[in-house]
Amino acid sequence: MANLLLVEDNELNRDMLSRRLRKRGYEVEIAVDGQEGLDMVKSTRPDLILMDMSLPVVDGWEATRRLKADPATSDIPVIALTAHAMASDREKALEAGCDAYETKPVELPSLLAAIEKLLGNS
């Protein structure tokens, strides 16, 4: 099954989401801020990244821009996870390079569909 990197600073969100994804067979690595996420991408080479956009150190917008600007990581799909639910926030995430956008609280069926689609398993 696919290896996912969850970049999320909220402990409750990390715990809930990682448990639910592991239960469905995904391997889940966790980073607690944007810089740690950037560092982990280089060492773990995930199949897909779930990126909270409101992160400490380096926010999700900037972390995604850096990932997509680097030829070594530009092909890794990134799903934005954010409590910001305005249409402009969705556009901002896509402009930063995110491949999909999910609002919090996360609706698991919608997130799983997005993951499967981006991994080519749909």
PDB file of N, CA and C in Angstrom:
ATOM      1  N   MET A   1       0.858  -1.195   0.000  1.00  0.00           N
ATOM      2  CA  MET A   1       0.000   0.000   0.000  1.00  0.00           C
ATOM      3  C   MET A   1       0.887   1.235   0.000  1.00  0.00           C
ATOM      4  N   ALA A   2       0.333   2.349  -0.347  1.00  0.00           N
ATOM      5  CA  ALA A   2       1.067   3.600  -0.507  1.00  0.00           C
ATOM      6  C   ALA A   2       1.589   4.150   0.812  1.00  0.00           C
ATOM      7  N   ASN A   3       2.714   4.867   0.706  1.00  0.00           N
ATOM      8  CA  ASN A   3       3.311   5.545   1.845  1.00  0.00           C
ATOM      9  C   ASN A   3       2.900   7.021   1.796  1.00  0.00           C
ATOM     10  N   LEU A   4       2.211   7.484   2.835  1.00  0.00           N
ATOM     11  CA  LEU A   4       1.739   8.865   2.902  1.00  0.00           C
ATOM     12  C   LEU A   4       2.541   9.632   3.937  1.00  0.00           C
ATOM     13  N   LEU A   5       2.771  10.908   3.679  1.00  0.00           N
ATOM     14  CA  LEU A   5       3.361  11.806   4.665  1.00  0.00           C
ATOM     15  C   LEU A   5       2.275  12.771   5.101  1.00  0.00           C
ATOM     16  N   LEU A   6       1.957  12.758   6.385  1.00  0.00           N
ATOM     17  CA  LEU A   6       0.973  13.668   6.969  1.00  0.00           C
ATOM     18  C   LEU A   6       1.728  14.784   7.669  1.00  0.00           C
ATOM     19  N   VAL A   7       1.581  16.011   7.171  1.00  0.00           N
ATOM     20  CA  VAL A   7       2.229  17.174   7.774  1.00  0.00           C
ATOM     21  C   VAL A   7       1.137  17.956   8.498  1.00  0.00           C
ATOM     22  N   GLU A   8       1.110  17.835   9.813  1.00  0.00           N
ATOM     23  CA  GLU A   8       0.005  18.374  10.621  1.00  0.00           C
ATOM     24  C   GLU A   8       0.528  18.730  12.009  1.00  0.00           C
ATOM     25  N   ASP A   9       0.271  19.950  12.461  1.00  0.00           N
ATOM     26  CA  ASP A   9       0.775  20.374  13.771  1.00  0.00           C
ATOM     27  C   ASP A   9      -0.192  20.072  14.916  1.00  0.00           C
ATOM     28  N   ASN A  10      -1.445  19.823  14.612  1.00  0.00           N
ATOM     29  CA  ASN A  10      -2.425  19.554  15.671  1.00  0.00           C
ATOM     30  C   ASN A  10      -2.401  18.071  16.038  1.00  0.00           C
ATOM     31  N   GLU A  11      -2.092  17.797  17.307  1.00  0.00           N
ATOM     32  CA  GLU A  11      -1.926  16.413  17.750  1.00  0.00           C
ATOM     33  C   GLU A  11      -3.189  15.582  17.580  1.00  0.00           C
ATOM     34  N   LEU A  12      -4.340  16.154  17.903  1.00  0.00           N
ATOM     35  CA  LEU A  12      -5.593  15.401  17.761  1.00  0.00           C
ATOM     36  C   LEU A  12      -5.870  15.057  16.297  1.00  0.00           C
ATOM     37  N   ASN A  13      -5.651  16.023  15.412  1.00  0.00           N
ATOM     38  CA  ASN A  13      -5.844  15.772  13.981  1.00  0.00           C
ATOM     39  C   ASN A  13      -4.872  14.708  13.478  1.00  0.00           C
ATOM     40  N   ARG A  14      -3.605  14.807  13.905  1.00  0.00           N
ATOM     41  CA  ARG A  14      -2.591  13.820  13.493  1.00  0.00           C
ATOM     42  C   ARG A  14      -2.999  12.420  13.921  1.00  0.00           C
ATOM     43  N   ASP A  15      -3.387  12.295  15.185  1.00  0.00           N
ATOM     44  CA  ASP A  15      -3.728  10.990  15.733  1.00  0.00           C
ATOM     45  C   ASP A  15      -4.941  10.395  15.022  1.00  0.00           C
ATOM     46  N   MET A  16      -6.006  11.180  14.910  1.00  0.00           N
ATOM     47  CA  MET A  16      -7.238  10.688  14.305  1.00  0.00           C
ATOM     48  C   MET A  16      -7.007  10.295  12.845  1.00  0.00           C
ATOM     49  N   LEU A  17      -6.388  11.170  12.091  1.00  0.00           N
ATOM     50  CA  LEU A  17      -6.216  10.910  10.665  1.00  0.00           C
ATOM     51  C   LEU A  17      -5.234   9.767  10.409  1.00  0.00           C
ATOM     52  N   SER A  18      -4.125   9.732  11.129  1.00  0.00           N
ATOM     53  CA  SER A  18      -3.146   8.663  10.898  1.00  0.00           C
ATOM     54  C   SER A  18      -3.736   7.302  11.252  1.00  0.00           C
ATOM     55  N   ARG A  19      -4.497   7.215  12.338  1.00  0.00           N
ATOM     56  CA  ARG A  19      -5.120   5.939  12.708  1.00  0.00           C
ATOM     57  C   ARG A  19      -6.113   5.477  11.639  1.00  0.00           C
ATOM     58  N   ARG A  20      -6.916   6.398  11.153  1.00  0.00           N
ATOM     59  CA  ARG A  20      -7.924   6.035  10.158  1.00  0.00           C
ATOM     60  C   ARG A  20      -7.283   5.613   8.831  1.00  0.00           C
ATOM     61  N   LEU A  21      -6.198   6.273   8.458  1.00  0.00           N
ATOM     62  CA  LEU A  21      -5.519   5.915   7.208  1.00  0.00           C
ATOM     63  C   LEU A  21      -4.775   4.584   7.344  1.00  0.00           C
ATOM     64  N   ARG A  22      -4.130   4.370   8.484  1.00  0.00           N
ATOM     65  CA  ARG A  22      -3.432   3.089   8.709  1.00  0.00           C
ATOM     66  C   ARG A  22      -4.425   1.934   8.717  1.00  0.00           C
ATOM     67  N   LYS A  23      -5.609   2.182   9.280  1.00  0.00           N
ATOM     68  CA  LYS A  23      -6.651   1.157   9.326  1.00  0.00           C
ATOM     69  C   LYS A  23      -7.046   0.724   7.911  1.00  0.00           C
ATOM     70  N   ARG A  24      -6.871   1.608   6.948  1.00  0.00           N
ATOM     71  CA  ARG A  24      -7.197   1.303   5.557  1.00  0.00           C
ATOM     72  C   ARG A  24      -5.984   0.805   4.770  1.00  0.00           C
ATOM     73  N   GLY A  25      -4.898   0.537   5.497  1.00  0.00           N
ATOM     74  CA  GLY A  25      -3.745  -0.092   4.869  1.00  0.00           C
ATOM     75  C   GLY A  25      -2.627   0.824   4.418  1.00  0.00           C
ATOM     76  N   TYR A  26      -2.772   2.122   4.623  1.00  0.00           N
ATOM     77  CA  TYR A  26      -1.709   3.045   4.229  1.00  0.00           C
ATOM     78  C   TYR A  26      -0.608   3.070   5.281  1.00  0.00           C
ATOM     79  N   GLU A  27       0.628   3.238   4.826  1.00  0.00           N
ATOM     80  CA  GLU A  27       1.730   3.546   5.732  1.00  0.00           C
ATOM     81  C   GLU A  27       1.706   5.058   5.892  1.00  0.00           C
ATOM     82  N   VAL A  28       1.832   5.544   7.137  1.00  0.00           N
ATOM     83  CA  VAL A  28       1.738   6.980   7.388  1.00  0.00           C
ATOM     84  C   VAL A  28       2.936   7.446   8.199  1.00  0.00           C
ATOM     85  N   GLU A  29       3.696   8.360   7.620  1.00  0.00           N
ATOM     86  CA  GLU A  29       4.775   9.056   8.328  1.00  0.00           C
ATOM     87  C   GLU A  29       4.208  10.402   8.750  1.00  0.00           C
ATOM     88  N   ILE A  30       4.733  10.964   9.841  1.00  0.00           N
ATOM     89  CA  ILE A  30       4.173  12.205  10.373  1.00  0.00           C
ATOM     90  C   ILE A  30       5.263  13.256  10.571  1.00  0.00           C
ATOM     91  N   ALA A  31       4.955  14.470  10.136  1.00  0.00           N
ATOM     92  CA  ALA A  31       5.780  15.646  10.408  1.00  0.00           C
ATOM     93  C   ALA A  31       4.899  16.676  11.108  1.00  0.00           C
ATOM     94  N   VAL A  32       5.476  17.437  12.041  1.00  0.00           N
ATOM     95  CA  VAL A  32       4.668  18.361  12.842  1.00  0.00           C
ATOM     96  C   VAL A  32       4.781  19.822  12.409  1.00  0.00           C
ATOM     97  N   ASP A  33       5.661  20.118  11.443  1.00  0.00           N
ATOM     98  CA  ASP A  33       5.720  21.474  10.895  1.00  0.00           C
ATOM     99  C   ASP A  33       6.220  21.392   9.461  1.00  0.00           C
ATOM    100  N   GLY A  34       6.138  22.503   8.761  1.00  0.00           N
ATOM    101  CA  GLY A  34       6.481  22.500   7.348  1.00  0.00           C
ATOM    102  C   GLY A  34       7.934  22.167   7.068  1.00  0.00           C
ATOM    103  N   GLN A  35       8.850  22.650   7.898  1.00  0.00           N
ATOM    104  CA  GLN A  35      10.265  22.348   7.673  1.00  0.00           C
ATOM    105  C   GLN A  35      10.550  20.871   7.882  1.00  0.00           C
ATOM    106  N   GLU A  36       9.970  20.287   8.934  1.00  0.00           N
ATOM    107  CA  GLU A  36      10.146  18.854   9.156  1.00  0.00           C
ATOM    108  C   GLU A  36       9.557  18.067   7.981  1.00  0.00           C
ATOM    109  N   GLY A  37       8.427  18.527   7.473  1.00  0.00           N
ATOM    110  CA  GLY A  37       7.831  17.876   6.314  1.00  0.00           C
ATOM    111  C   GLY A  37       8.755  17.908   5.111  1.00  0.00           C
ATOM    112  N   LEU A  38       9.357  19.067   4.839  1.00  0.00           N
ATOM    113  CA  LEU A  38      10.297  19.185   3.717  1.00  0.00           C
ATOM    114  C   LEU A  38      11.485  18.247   3.905  1.00  0.00           C
ATOM    115  N   ASP A  39      12.012  18.185   5.121  1.00  0.00           N
ATOM    116  CA  ASP A  39      13.146  17.309   5.407  1.00  0.00           C
ATOM    117  C   ASP A  39      12.766  15.841   5.237  1.00  0.00           C
ATOM    118  N   MET A  40      11.570  15.471   5.713  1.00  0.00           N
ATOM    119  CA  MET A  40      11.139  14.073   5.644  1.00  0.00           C
ATOM    120  C   MET A  40      10.868  13.612   4.209  1.00  0.00           C
ATOM    121  N   VAL A  41      10.429  14.523   3.357  1.00  0.00           N
ATOM    122  CA  VAL A  41      10.174  14.157   1.960  1.00  0.00           C
ATOM    123  C   VAL A  41      11.453  13.626   1.328  1.00  0.00           C
ATOM    124  N   LYS A  42      12.575  14.266   1.656  1.00  0.00           N
ATOM    125  CA  LYS A  42      13.852  13.844   1.079  1.00  0.00           C
ATOM    126  C   LYS A  42      14.270  12.467   1.582  1.00  0.00           C
ATOM    127  N   SER A  43      13.968  12.162   2.843  1.00  0.00           N
ATOM    128  CA  SER A  43      14.421  10.887   3.412  1.00  0.00           C
ATOM    129  C   SER A  43      13.423   9.744   3.208  1.00  0.00           C
ATOM    130  N   THR A  44      12.119  10.050   3.123  1.00  0.00           N
ATOM    131  CA  THR A  44      11.127   8.971   3.032  1.00  0.00           C
ATOM    132  C   THR A  44      10.542   8.798   1.638  1.00  0.00           C
ATOM    133  N   ARG A  45      10.638   9.827   0.807  1.00  0.00           N
ATOM    134  CA  ARG A  45      10.080   9.815  -0.557  1.00  0.00           C
ATOM    135  C   ARG A  45       8.654   9.230  -0.575  1.00  0.00           C
ATOM    136  N   PRO A  46       7.693   9.953   0.055  1.00  0.00           N
ATOM    137  CA  PRO A  46       6.319   9.446   0.120  1.00  0.00           C
ATOM    138  C   PRO A  46       5.665   9.409  -1.259  1.00  0.00           C
ATOM    139  N   ASP A  47       4.621   8.585  -1.359  1.00  0.00           N
ATOM    140  CA  ASP A  47       3.845   8.519  -2.593  1.00  0.00           C
ATOM    141  C   ASP A  47       2.890   9.700  -2.703  1.00  0.00           C
ATOM    142  N   LEU A  48       2.514  10.277  -1.543  1.00  0.00           N
ATOM    143  CA  LEU A  48       1.556  11.379  -1.506  1.00  0.00           C
ATOM    144  C   LEU A  48       1.741  12.124  -0.189  1.00  0.00           C
ATOM    145  N   ILE A  49       1.491  13.423  -0.212  1.00  0.00           N
ATOM    146  CA  ILE A  49       1.632  14.267   0.984  1.00  0.00           C
ATOM    147  C   ILE A  49       0.284  14.883   1.327  1.00  0.00           C
ATOM    148  N   LEU A  50      -0.101  14.765   2.597  1.00  0.00           N
ATOM    149  CA  LEU A  50      -1.273  15.458   3.140  1.00  0.00           C
ATOM    150  C   LEU A  50      -0.732  16.650   3.909  1.00  0.00           C
ATOM    151  N   MET A  51      -0.982  17.853   3.418  1.00  0.00           N
ATOM    152  CA  MET A  51      -0.337  19.056   3.931  1.00  0.00           C
ATOM    153  C   MET A  51      -1.331  20.002   4.583  1.00  0.00           C
ATOM    154  N   ASP A  52      -1.224  20.132   5.923  1.00  0.00           N
ATOM    155  CA  ASP A  52      -1.959  21.189   6.605  1.00  0.00           C
ATOM    156  C   ASP A  52      -1.385  22.502   6.090  1.00  0.00           C
ATOM    157  N   MET A  53      -2.195  23.502   5.908  1.00  0.00           N
ATOM    158  CA  MET A  53      -1.692  24.752   5.356  1.00  0.00           C
ATOM    159  C   MET A  53      -1.266  25.750   6.435  1.00  0.00           C
ATOM    160  N   SER A  54      -1.830  25.631   7.631  1.00  0.00           N
ATOM    161  CA  SER A  54      -1.481  26.535   8.744  1.00  0.00           C
ATOM    162  C   SER A  54      -0.514  25.814   9.668  1.00  0.00           C
ATOM    163  N   LEU A  55       0.771  25.899   9.339  1.00  0.00           N
ATOM    164  CA  LEU A  55       1.813  25.191  10.075  1.00  0.00           C
ATOM    165  C   LEU A  55       2.836  26.166  10.651  1.00  0.00           C
ATOM    166  N   PRO A  56       3.478  25.767  11.753  1.00  0.00           N
ATOM    167  CA  PRO A  56       4.577  26.584  12.270  1.00  0.00           C
ATOM    168  C   PRO A  56       5.860  26.373  11.456  1.00  0.00           C
ATOM    169  N   VAL A  57       6.840  27.210  11.672  1.00  0.00           N
ATOM    170  CA  VAL A  57       8.170  27.205  11.063  1.00  0.00           C
ATOM    171  C   VAL A  57       8.082  27.565   9.583  1.00  0.00           C
ATOM    172  N   VAL A  58       7.586  26.655   8.749  1.00  0.00           N
ATOM    173  CA  VAL A  58       7.307  26.925   7.332  1.00  0.00           C
ATOM    174  C   VAL A  58       5.858  26.515   7.114  1.00  0.00           C
ATOM    175  N   ASP A  59       5.021  27.466   6.653  1.00  0.00           N
ATOM    176  CA  ASP A  59       3.601  27.107   6.484  1.00  0.00           C
ATOM    177  C   ASP A  59       3.417  26.189   5.276  1.00  0.00           C
ATOM    178  N   GLY A  60       2.236  25.600   5.191  1.00  0.00           N
ATOM    179  CA  GLY A  60       1.950  24.637   4.134  1.00  0.00           C
ATOM    180  C   GLY A  60       1.986  25.232   2.742  1.00  0.00           C
ATOM    181  N   TRP A  61       1.627  26.512   2.635  1.00  0.00           N
ATOM    182  CA  TRP A  61       1.659  27.167   1.325  1.00  0.00           C
ATOM    183  C   TRP A  61       3.099  27.190   0.805  1.00  0.00           C
ATOM    184  N   GLU A  62       4.025  27.660   1.657  1.00  0.00           N
ATOM    185  CA  GLU A  62       5.431  27.771   1.259  1.00  0.00           C
ATOM    186  C   GLU A  62       6.071  26.399   1.084  1.00  0.00           C
ATOM    187  N   ALA A  63       5.775  25.468   1.979  1.00  0.00           N
ATOM    188  CA  ALA A  63       6.333  24.115   1.859  1.00  0.00           C
ATOM    189  C   ALA A  63       5.928  23.488   0.530  1.00  0.00           C
ATOM    190  N   THR A  64       4.666  23.663   0.149  1.00  0.00           N
ATOM    191  CA  THR A  64       4.189  23.106  -1.125  1.00  0.00           C
ATOM    192  C   THR A  64       4.884  23.782  -2.301  1.00  0.00           C
ATOM    193  N   ARG A  65       5.019  25.101  -2.253  1.00  0.00           N
ATOM    194  CA  ARG A  65       5.714  25.812  -3.337  1.00  0.00           C
ATOM    195  C   ARG A  65       7.138  25.272  -3.504  1.00  0.00           C
ATOM    196  N   ARG A  66       7.830  25.050  -2.383  1.00  0.00           N
ATOM    197  CA  ARG A  66       9.207  24.536  -2.443  1.00  0.00           C
ATOM    198  C   ARG A  66       9.247  23.117  -3.020  1.00  0.00           C
ATOM    199  N   LEU A  67       8.309  22.276  -2.603  1.00  0.00           N
ATOM    200  CA  LEU A  67       8.262  20.906  -3.120  1.00  0.00           C
ATOM    201  C   LEU A  67       8.019  20.896  -4.625  1.00  0.00           C
ATOM    202  N   LYS A  68       7.091  21.719  -5.069  1.00  0.00           N
ATOM    203  CA  LYS A  68       6.742  21.732  -6.489  1.00  0.00           C
ATOM    204  C   LYS A  68       7.810  22.417  -7.348  1.00  0.00           C
ATOM    205  N   ALA A  69       8.638  23.265  -6.745  1.00  0.00           N
ATOM    206  CA  ALA A  69       9.712  23.936  -7.480  1.00  0.00           C
ATOM    207  C   ALA A  69      10.946  23.048  -7.632  1.00  0.00           C
ATOM    208  N   ASP A  70      11.043  21.995  -6.825  1.00  0.00           N
ATOM    209  CA  ASP A  70      12.193  21.097  -6.840  1.00  0.00           C
ATOM    210  C   ASP A  70      11.912  19.926  -7.787  1.00  0.00           C
ATOM    211  N   PRO A  71      12.704  19.767  -8.845  1.00  0.00           N
ATOM    212  CA  PRO A  71      12.459  18.668  -9.783  1.00  0.00           C
ATOM    213  C   PRO A  71      12.461  17.282  -9.116  1.00  0.00           C
ATOM    214  N   ALA A  72      13.159  17.145  -8.005  1.00  0.00           N
ATOM    215  CA  ALA A  72      13.229  15.848  -7.318  1.00  0.00           C
ATOM    216  C   ALA A  72      11.929  15.498  -6.590  1.00  0.00           C
ATOM    217  N   THR A  73      11.096  16.511  -6.299  1.00  0.00           N
ATOM    218  CA  THR A  73       9.866  16.264  -5.534  1.00  0.00           C
ATOM    219  C   THR A  73       8.609  16.807  -6.211  1.00  0.00           C
ATOM    220  N   SER A  74       8.762  17.445  -7.347  1.00  0.00           N
ATOM    221  CA  SER A  74       7.619  18.116  -7.987  1.00  0.00           C
ATOM    222  C   SER A  74       6.509  17.161  -8.420  1.00  0.00           C
ATOM    223  N   ASP A  75       6.850  15.879  -8.590  1.00  0.00           N
ATOM    224  CA  ASP A  75       5.853  14.915  -9.055  1.00  0.00           C
ATOM    225  C   ASP A  75       5.056  14.280  -7.915  1.00  0.00           C
ATOM    226  N   ILE A  76       5.396  14.563  -6.662  1.00  0.00           N
ATOM    227  CA  ILE A  76       4.673  13.980  -5.529  1.00  0.00           C
ATOM    228  C   ILE A  76       3.360  14.742  -5.344  1.00  0.00           C
ATOM    229  N   PRO A  77       2.224  14.051  -5.407  1.00  0.00           N
ATOM    230  CA  PRO A  77       0.942  14.735  -5.212  1.00  0.00           C
ATOM    231  C   PRO A  77       0.822  15.289  -3.784  1.00  0.00           C
ATOM    232  N   VAL A  78       0.241  16.484  -3.684  1.00  0.00           N
ATOM    233  CA  VAL A  78       0.014  17.138  -2.395  1.00  0.00           C
ATOM    234  C   VAL A  78      -1.469  17.454  -2.270  1.00  0.00           C
ATOM    235  N   ILE A  79      -2.057  17.009  -1.164  1.00  0.00           N
ATOM    236  CA  ILE A  79      -3.440  17.365  -0.854  1.00  0.00           C
ATOM    237  C   ILE A  79      -3.421  18.375   0.276  1.00  0.00           C
ATOM    238  N   ALA A  80      -3.979  19.552   0.035  1.00  0.00           N
ATOM    239  CA  ALA A  80      -4.090  20.585   1.070  1.00  0.00           C
ATOM    240  C   ALA A  80      -5.170  20.178   2.066  1.00  0.00           C
ATOM    241  N   LEU A  81      -4.848  20.290   3.347  1.00  0.00           N
ATOM    242  CA  LEU A  81      -5.832  20.073   4.414  1.00  0.00           C
ATOM    243  C   LEU A  81      -5.942  21.387   5.173  1.00  0.00           C
ATOM    244  N   THR A  82      -7.117  21.988   5.161  1.00  0.00           N
ATOM    245  CA  THR A  82      -7.230  23.289   5.811  1.00  0.00           C
ATOM    246  C   THR A  82      -8.633  23.556   6.332  1.00  0.00           C
ATOM    247  N   ALA A  83      -8.689  24.317   7.398  1.00  0.00           N
ATOM    248  CA  ALA A  83      -9.970  24.752   7.952  1.00  0.00           C
ATOM    249  C   ALA A  83     -10.508  25.949   7.168  1.00  0.00           C
ATOM    250  N   HIS A  84      -9.668  26.547   6.328  1.00  0.00           N
ATOM    251  CA  HIS A  84     -10.088  27.676   5.499  1.00  0.00           C
ATOM    252  C   HIS A  84     -10.943  27.151   4.359  1.00  0.00           C
ATOM    253  N   ALA A  85     -12.203  27.506   4.353  1.00  0.00           N
ATOM    254  CA  ALA A  85     -13.135  26.897   3.397  1.00  0.00           C
ATOM    255  C   ALA A  85     -13.671  27.871   2.355  1.00  0.00           C
ATOM    256  N   MET A  86     -13.064  29.022   2.228  1.00  0.00           N
ATOM    257  CA  MET A  86     -13.505  29.982   1.224  1.00  0.00           C
ATOM    258  C   MET A  86     -12.998  29.553  -0.155  1.00  0.00           C
ATOM    259  N   ALA A  87     -13.718  29.926  -1.195  1.00  0.00           N
ATOM    260  CA  ALA A  87     -13.306  29.581  -2.558  1.00  0.00           C
ATOM    261  C   ALA A  87     -11.912  30.116  -2.853  1.00  0.00           C
ATOM    262  N   SER A  88     -11.594  31.298  -2.324  1.00  0.00           N
ATOM    263  CA  SER A  88     -10.272  31.884  -2.568  1.00  0.00           C
ATOM    264  C   SER A  88      -9.171  31.049  -1.920  1.00  0.00           C
ATOM    265  N   ASP A  89      -9.476  30.369  -0.810  1.00  0.00           N
ATOM    266  CA  ASP A  89      -8.486  29.511  -0.158  1.00  0.00           C
ATOM    267  C   ASP A  89      -8.186  28.297  -1.026  1.00  0.00           C
ATOM    268  N   ARG A  90      -9.216  27.758  -1.658  1.00  0.00           N
ATOM    269  CA  ARG A  90      -9.017  26.622  -2.566  1.00  0.00           C
ATOM    270  C   ARG A  90      -8.120  27.052  -3.724  1.00  0.00           C
ATOM    271  N   GLU A  91      -8.413  28.209  -4.303  1.00  0.00           N
ATOM    272  CA  GLU A  91      -7.600  28.722  -5.405  1.00  0.00           C
ATOM    273  C   GLU A  91      -6.162  28.962  -4.960  1.00  0.00           C
ATOM    274  N   LYS A  92      -5.996  29.508  -3.765  1.00  0.00           N
ATOM    275  CA  LYS A  92      -4.656  29.776  -3.237  1.00  0.00           C
ATOM    276  C   LYS A  92      -3.866  28.479  -3.085  1.00  0.00           C
ATOM    277  N   ALA A  93      -4.518  27.421  -2.595  1.00  0.00           N
ATOM    278  CA  ALA A  93      -3.853  26.123  -2.425  1.00  0.00           C
ATOM    279  C   ALA A  93      -3.441  25.551  -3.783  1.00  0.00           C
ATOM    280  N   LEU A  94      -4.322  25.645  -4.764  1.00  0.00           N
ATOM    281  CA  LEU A  94      -4.008  25.124  -6.093  1.00  0.00           C
ATOM    282  C   LEU A  94      -2.895  25.938  -6.751  1.00  0.00           C
ATOM    283  N   GLU A  95      -2.902  27.252  -6.537  1.00  0.00           N
ATOM    284  CA  GLU A  95      -1.843  28.103  -7.077  1.00  0.00           C
ATOM    285  C   GLU A  95      -0.498  27.777  -6.437  1.00  0.00           C
ATOM    286  N   ALA A  96      -0.502  27.377  -5.159  1.00  0.00           N
ATOM    287  CA  ALA A  96       0.736  27.006  -4.469  1.00  0.00           C
ATOM    288  C   ALA A  96       1.285  25.681  -4.983  1.00  0.00           C
ATOM    289  N   GLY A  97       0.452  24.923  -5.710  1.00  0.00           N
ATOM    290  CA  GLY A  97       0.904  23.668  -6.283  1.00  0.00           C
ATOM    291  C   GLY A  97       0.191  22.436  -5.758  1.00  0.00           C
ATOM    292  N   CYS A  98      -0.754  22.623  -4.856  1.00  0.00           N
ATOM    293  CA  CYS A  98      -1.495  21.464  -4.345  1.00  0.00           C
ATOM    294  C   CYS A  98      -2.300  20.827  -5.470  1.00  0.00           C
ATOM    295  N   ASP A  99      -2.390  19.512  -5.433  1.00  0.00           N
ATOM    296  CA  ASP A  99      -3.102  18.776  -6.468  1.00  0.00           C
ATOM    297  C   ASP A  99      -4.569  18.571  -6.128  1.00  0.00           C
ATOM    298  N   ALA A 100      -4.899  18.717  -4.845  1.00  0.00           N
ATOM    299  CA  ALA A 100      -6.285  18.585  -4.384  1.00  0.00           C
ATOM    300  C   ALA A 100      -6.413  19.371  -3.092  1.00  0.00           C
ATOM    301  N   TYR A 101      -7.658  19.557  -2.653  1.00  0.00           N
ATOM    302  CA  TYR A 101      -7.958  20.427  -1.526  1.00  0.00           C
ATOM    303  C   TYR A 101      -9.079  19.805  -0.717  1.00  0.00           C
ATOM    304  N   GLU A 102      -8.841  19.586   0.566  1.00  0.00           N
ATOM    305  CA  GLU A 102      -9.859  19.033   1.468  1.00  0.00           C
ATOM    306  C   GLU A 102      -9.982  19.950   2.688  1.00  0.00           C
ATOM    307  N   THR A 103     -11.209  20.228   3.085  1.00  0.00           N
ATOM    308  CA  THR A 103     -11.412  21.088   4.248  1.00  0.00           C
ATOM    309  C   THR A 103     -11.495  20.257   5.526  1.00  0.00           C
ATOM    310  N   LYS A 104     -11.187  20.930   6.634  1.00  0.00           N
ATOM    311  CA  LYS A 104     -11.316  20.328   7.967  1.00  0.00           C
ATOM    312  C   LYS A 104     -12.621  20.823   8.570  1.00  0.00           C
ATOM    313  N   PRO A 105     -13.301  20.017   9.349  1.00  0.00           N
ATOM    314  CA  PRO A 105     -12.915  18.652   9.668  1.00  0.00           C
ATOM    315  C   PRO A 105     -12.966  17.769   8.425  1.00  0.00           C
ATOM    316  N   VAL A 106     -11.983  16.879   8.333  1.00  0.00           N
ATOM    317  CA  VAL A 106     -11.827  16.030   7.163  1.00  0.00           C
ATOM    318  C   VAL A 106     -12.978  15.033   7.065  1.00  0.00           C
ATOM    319  N   GLU A 107     -13.557  14.964   5.874  1.00  0.00           N
ATOM    320  CA  GLU A 107     -14.566  13.934   5.586  1.00  0.00           C
ATOM    321  C   GLU A 107     -13.806  12.780   4.951  1.00  0.00           C
ATOM    322  N   LEU A 108     -13.651  11.691   5.696  1.00  0.00           N
ATOM    323  CA  LEU A 108     -12.797  10.590   5.272  1.00  0.00           C
ATOM    324  C   LEU A 108     -13.150  10.029   3.887  1.00  0.00           C
ATOM    325  N   PRO A 109     -14.415   9.791   3.548  1.00  0.00           N
ATOM    326  CA  PRO A 109     -14.700   9.260   2.200  1.00  0.00           C
ATOM    327  C   PRO A 109     -14.183  10.177   1.087  1.00  0.00           C
ATOM    328  N   SER A 110     -14.329  11.473   1.264  1.00  0.00           N
ATOM    329  CA  SER A 110     -13.857  12.429   0.266  1.00  0.00           C
ATOM    330  C   SER A 110     -12.329  12.417   0.186  1.00  0.00           C
ATOM    331  N   LEU A 111     -11.666  12.386   1.344  1.00  0.00           N
ATOM    332  CA  LEU A 111     -10.204  12.356   1.373  1.00  0.00           C
ATOM    333  C   LEU A 111      -9.683  11.068   0.733  1.00  0.00           C
ATOM    334  N   LEU A 112     -10.277   9.938   1.076  1.00  0.00           N
ATOM    335  CA  LEU A 112      -9.839   8.656   0.503  1.00  0.00           C
ATOM    336  C   LEU A 112     -10.013   8.647  -1.012  1.00  0.00           C
ATOM    337  N   ALA A 113     -11.105   9.208  -1.501  1.00  0.00           N
ATOM    338  CA  ALA A 113     -11.327   9.291  -2.953  1.00  0.00           C
ATOM    339  C   ALA A 113     -10.250  10.134  -3.621  1.00  0.00           C
ATOM    340  N   ALA A 114      -9.894  11.249  -2.983  1.00  0.00           N
ATOM    341  CA  ALA A 114      -8.843  12.125  -3.539  1.00  0.00           C
ATOM    342  C   ALA A 114      -7.506  11.413  -3.535  1.00  0.00           C
ATOM    343  N   ILE A 115      -7.189  10.699  -2.464  1.00  0.00           N
ATOM    344  CA  ILE A 115      -5.932   9.952  -2.384  1.00  0.00           C
ATOM    345  C   ILE A 115      -5.882   8.906  -3.485  1.00  0.00           C
ATOM    346  N   GLU A 116      -6.939   8.132  -3.613  1.00  0.00           N
ATOM    347  CA  GLU A 116      -6.972   7.070  -4.633  1.00  0.00           C
ATOM    348  C   GLU A 116      -6.855   7.636  -6.050  1.00  0.00           C
ATOM    349  N   LYS A 117      -7.532   8.735  -6.287  1.00  0.00           N
ATOM    350  CA  LYS A 117      -7.483   9.361  -7.609  1.00  0.00           C
ATOM    351  C   LYS A 117      -6.048   9.812  -7.921  1.00  0.00           C
ATOM    352  N   LEU A 118      -5.402  10.480  -6.968  1.00  0.00           N
ATOM    353  CA  LEU A 118      -4.052  10.999  -7.219  1.00  0.00           C
ATOM    354  C   LEU A 118      -3.011   9.885  -7.310  1.00  0.00           C
ATOM    355  N   LEU A 119      -3.268   8.778  -6.657  1.00  0.00           N
ATOM    356  CA  LEU A 119      -2.340   7.650  -6.739  1.00  0.00           C
ATOM    357  C   LEU A 119      -2.622   6.767  -7.944  1.00  0.00           C
ATOM    358  N   GLY A 120      -3.695   7.091  -8.673  1.00  0.00           N
ATOM    359  CA  GLY A 120      -4.026   6.331  -9.879  1.00  0.00           C
ATOM    360  C   GLY A 120      -4.720   5.020  -9.590  1.00  0.00           C
ATOM    361  N   ASN A 121      -5.370   4.941  -8.415  1.00  0.00           N
ATOM    362  CA  ASN A 121      -6.038   3.701  -8.025  1.00  0.00           C
ATOM    363  C   ASN A 121      -7.551   3.774  -8.158  1.00  0.00           C
ATOM    364  N   SER A 122      -8.045   4.817  -8.771  1.00  0.00           N
ATOM    365  CA  SER A 122      -9.501   4.961  -8.845  1.00  0.00           C
ATOM    366  C   SER A 122     -10.083   4.175  -9.991  1.00  0.00           C
TER     367      SER A 122
END
